[in-house]
């Protein structure tokens, strides 16, 4: 069952990556897993490229993991 869930997560992440590539390619510039928690938090802050253009700075909590280390290449 664990393997099935991992395969499903991979399929969904690939679908998400494809949709981002079509509609919001800037979100893919960060690299890494498109379904990572920090990326979803960022997407909630800026759901469109226009919203992202209005952001002056990213809140630290949106791009930090539990360990406090950066989760992406900024």
N, C-alpha and C. Protein backbone atom coordinates (compact mmCIF):
# COMPACT_ATOMS: atom_id res chain seq x y z
N UNK A 1 0.83 -1.19 0.00
CA UNK A 1 0.00 0.00 0.00
C UNK A 1 0.87 1.26 0.00
N UNK A 2 1.96 1.23 0.76
CA UNK A 2 2.85 2.38 0.82
C UNK A 2 3.40 2.72 -0.57
N UNK A 3 3.75 1.69 -1.32
CA UNK A 3 4.26 1.91 -2.67
C UNK A 3 3.18 2.52 -3.57
N UNK A 4 1.95 2.06 -3.42
CA UNK A 4 0.83 2.61 -4.20
C UNK A 4 0.64 4.09 -3.89
N UNK A 5 0.71 4.45 -2.61
CA UNK A 5 0.55 5.85 -2.23
C UNK A 5 1.68 6.71 -2.77
N UNK A 6 2.90 6.20 -2.76
CA UNK A 6 4.03 6.94 -3.30
C UNK A 6 3.87 7.14 -4.80
N UNK A 7 3.42 6.12 -5.50
CA UNK A 7 3.19 6.25 -6.95
C UNK A 7 2.11 7.28 -7.24
N UNK A 8 1.06 7.27 -6.44
CA UNK A 8 -0.02 8.25 -6.63
C UNK A 8 0.48 9.67 -6.36
N UNK A 9 1.28 9.83 -5.32
CA UNK A 9 1.85 11.15 -5.03
C UNK A 9 2.71 11.62 -6.19
N UNK A 10 3.51 10.73 -6.75
CA UNK A 10 4.35 11.09 -7.90
C UNK A 10 3.51 11.49 -9.10
N UNK A 11 2.44 10.75 -9.35
CA UNK A 11 1.55 11.10 -10.47
C UNK A 11 0.94 12.49 -10.27
N UNK A 12 0.48 12.75 -9.06
CA UNK A 12 -0.13 14.05 -8.77
C UNK A 12 0.90 15.18 -8.85
N UNK A 13 2.10 14.94 -8.36
CA UNK A 13 3.16 15.95 -8.45
C UNK A 13 3.50 16.23 -9.90
N UNK A 14 3.53 15.19 -10.73
CA UNK A 14 3.80 15.40 -12.16
C UNK A 14 2.69 16.20 -12.83
N UNK A 15 1.45 15.93 -12.45
CA UNK A 15 0.33 16.71 -13.00
C UNK A 15 0.42 18.16 -12.56
N UNK A 16 0.77 18.38 -11.30
CA UNK A 16 0.93 19.73 -10.79
C UNK A 16 2.04 20.45 -11.54
N UNK A 17 3.18 19.78 -11.73
CA UNK A 17 4.31 20.37 -12.45
C UNK A 17 3.89 20.77 -13.87
N UNK A 18 3.14 19.91 -14.54
CA UNK A 18 2.68 20.21 -15.90
C UNK A 18 1.77 21.44 -15.92
N UNK A 19 0.86 21.51 -14.97
CA UNK A 19 -0.05 22.67 -14.93
C UNK A 19 0.71 23.95 -14.60
N UNK A 20 1.65 23.87 -13.68
CA UNK A 20 2.45 25.06 -13.37
C UNK A 20 3.25 25.50 -14.59
N UNK A 21 3.79 24.55 -15.32
CA UNK A 21 4.56 24.88 -16.53
C UNK A 21 3.69 25.63 -17.52
N UNK A 22 2.43 25.27 -17.61
CA UNK A 22 1.51 25.91 -18.56
C UNK A 22 1.03 27.28 -18.10
N UNK A 23 0.73 27.41 -16.81
CA UNK A 23 0.04 28.60 -16.32
C UNK A 23 0.85 29.50 -15.38
N UNK A 24 1.90 28.97 -14.76
CA UNK A 24 2.63 29.75 -13.75
C UNK A 24 4.08 29.25 -13.74
N UNK A 25 4.79 29.34 -14.86
CA UNK A 25 6.14 28.77 -14.94
C UNK A 25 7.13 29.38 -13.96
N UNK A 26 6.89 30.59 -13.49
CA UNK A 26 7.79 31.21 -12.52
C UNK A 26 7.87 30.38 -11.24
N UNK A 27 6.79 29.70 -10.91
CA UNK A 27 6.78 28.88 -9.70
C UNK A 27 7.75 27.71 -9.82
N UNK A 28 8.05 27.28 -11.02
CA UNK A 28 8.98 26.18 -11.23
C UNK A 28 10.43 26.62 -11.18
N UNK A 29 10.68 27.93 -11.21
CA UNK A 29 12.05 28.44 -11.18
C UNK A 29 12.78 28.07 -9.89
N UNK A 30 12.04 27.72 -8.85
CA UNK A 30 12.65 27.36 -7.58
C UNK A 30 13.24 25.97 -7.60
N UNK A 31 12.84 25.14 -8.57
CA UNK A 31 13.33 23.77 -8.65
C UNK A 31 12.75 22.91 -7.55
N UNK A 32 13.13 21.66 -7.52
CA UNK A 32 12.69 20.75 -6.47
C UNK A 32 11.27 20.25 -6.66
N UNK A 33 10.74 19.72 -5.60
CA UNK A 33 9.43 19.08 -5.58
C UNK A 33 8.32 20.12 -5.68
N UNK A 34 7.47 20.04 -6.72
CA UNK A 34 6.39 21.02 -6.85
C UNK A 34 5.32 20.89 -5.76
N UNK A 35 5.29 19.75 -5.08
CA UNK A 35 4.29 19.54 -4.03
C UNK A 35 4.86 19.71 -2.63
N UNK A 36 6.06 20.27 -2.51
CA UNK A 36 6.67 20.50 -1.20
C UNK A 36 5.81 21.48 -0.40
N UNK A 37 5.79 21.29 0.90
CA UNK A 37 4.94 22.12 1.77
C UNK A 37 5.28 23.61 1.64
N UNK A 38 6.58 23.95 1.55
CA UNK A 38 6.96 25.37 1.45
C UNK A 38 6.44 25.98 0.15
N UNK A 39 6.42 25.17 -0.93
CA UNK A 39 5.94 25.70 -2.22
C UNK A 39 4.43 25.92 -2.19
N UNK A 40 3.72 25.01 -1.55
CA UNK A 40 2.27 25.17 -1.42
C UNK A 40 1.97 26.42 -0.59
N UNK A 41 2.73 26.65 0.48
CA UNK A 41 2.55 27.86 1.30
C UNK A 41 2.81 29.12 0.46
N UNK A 42 3.86 29.09 -0.34
CA UNK A 42 4.15 30.22 -1.21
C UNK A 42 3.04 30.43 -2.22
N UNK A 43 2.52 29.36 -2.78
CA UNK A 43 1.45 29.44 -3.76
C UNK A 43 0.19 30.04 -3.14
N UNK A 44 -0.05 29.74 -1.87
CA UNK A 44 -1.20 30.35 -1.18
C UNK A 44 -1.02 31.86 -1.04
N UNK A 45 0.23 32.30 -0.81
CA UNK A 45 0.51 33.74 -0.70
C UNK A 45 0.39 34.44 -2.05
N UNK A 46 0.78 33.73 -3.10
CA UNK A 46 0.81 34.34 -4.44
C UNK A 46 0.26 33.33 -5.44
N UNK A 47 -1.07 33.20 -5.53
CA UNK A 47 -1.65 32.18 -6.40
C UNK A 47 -1.54 32.49 -7.90
N UNK A 48 -1.17 33.70 -8.25
CA UNK A 48 -1.00 34.05 -9.66
C UNK A 48 0.32 34.81 -9.83
N UNK A 49 0.85 34.84 -11.05
CA UNK A 49 2.06 35.64 -11.28
C UNK A 49 1.87 37.12 -10.90
N UNK A 50 0.69 37.65 -11.13
CA UNK A 50 0.43 39.05 -10.76
C UNK A 50 0.52 39.24 -9.25
N UNK A 51 0.01 38.30 -8.48
CA UNK A 51 0.12 38.38 -7.02
C UNK A 51 1.58 38.29 -6.59
N UNK A 52 2.34 37.43 -7.24
CA UNK A 52 3.77 37.29 -6.91
C UNK A 52 4.52 38.59 -7.18
N UNK A 53 4.15 39.29 -8.24
CA UNK A 53 4.82 40.55 -8.57
C UNK A 53 4.59 41.61 -7.50
N UNK A 54 3.49 41.49 -6.76
CA UNK A 54 3.17 42.47 -5.71
C UNK A 54 3.88 42.18 -4.39
N UNK A 55 4.42 40.98 -4.23
CA UNK A 55 5.11 40.64 -2.99
C UNK A 55 6.42 41.40 -2.90
N UNK A 56 6.69 41.99 -1.78
CA UNK A 56 7.96 42.69 -1.58
C UNK A 56 9.00 41.74 -1.00
N UNK A 57 8.60 40.92 -0.07
CA UNK A 57 9.51 39.95 0.54
C UNK A 57 8.68 38.75 0.98
N UNK A 58 9.31 37.61 1.02
CA UNK A 58 8.62 36.41 1.46
C UNK A 58 8.73 36.27 2.96
N UNK A 59 7.64 35.95 3.64
CA UNK A 59 7.74 35.67 5.06
C UNK A 59 8.65 34.47 5.30
N UNK A 60 9.48 34.53 6.31
CA UNK A 60 10.44 33.45 6.56
C UNK A 60 9.76 32.10 6.75
N UNK A 61 8.58 32.10 7.37
CA UNK A 61 7.93 30.82 7.64
C UNK A 61 7.51 30.10 6.37
N UNK A 62 7.36 30.79 5.25
CA UNK A 62 6.88 30.11 4.05
C UNK A 62 7.97 29.33 3.35
N UNK A 63 9.21 29.60 3.63
CA UNK A 63 10.29 28.91 2.91
C UNK A 63 11.24 28.20 3.84
N UNK A 64 10.85 27.95 5.05
CA UNK A 64 11.69 27.25 6.02
C UNK A 64 11.04 25.94 6.41
N UNK A 65 11.84 24.92 6.54
CA UNK A 65 11.35 23.63 7.00
C UNK A 65 11.30 23.58 8.51
N UNK A 66 10.97 22.44 9.06
CA UNK A 66 10.91 22.28 10.50
C UNK A 66 12.27 22.53 11.15
N UNK A 67 13.34 22.22 10.42
CA UNK A 67 14.67 22.39 10.99
C UNK A 67 15.14 23.83 10.92
N UNK A 68 14.39 24.70 10.21
CA UNK A 68 14.78 26.07 10.08
C UNK A 68 15.67 26.34 8.89
N UNK A 69 15.99 25.30 8.14
CA UNK A 69 16.83 25.46 6.96
C UNK A 69 15.99 25.75 5.74
N UNK A 70 16.57 26.46 4.81
CA UNK A 70 15.88 26.81 3.58
C UNK A 70 15.47 25.56 2.81
N UNK A 71 14.31 25.59 2.22
CA UNK A 71 13.79 24.46 1.46
C UNK A 71 13.88 24.68 -0.04
N UNK A 72 14.47 25.74 -0.48
CA UNK A 72 14.57 26.00 -1.91
C UNK A 72 15.77 26.86 -2.20
N UNK A 73 16.07 27.01 -3.47
CA UNK A 73 17.19 27.87 -3.86
C UNK A 73 16.64 29.24 -4.18
N UNK A 74 16.85 30.19 -3.29
CA UNK A 74 16.33 31.53 -3.48
C UNK A 74 17.42 32.34 -4.02
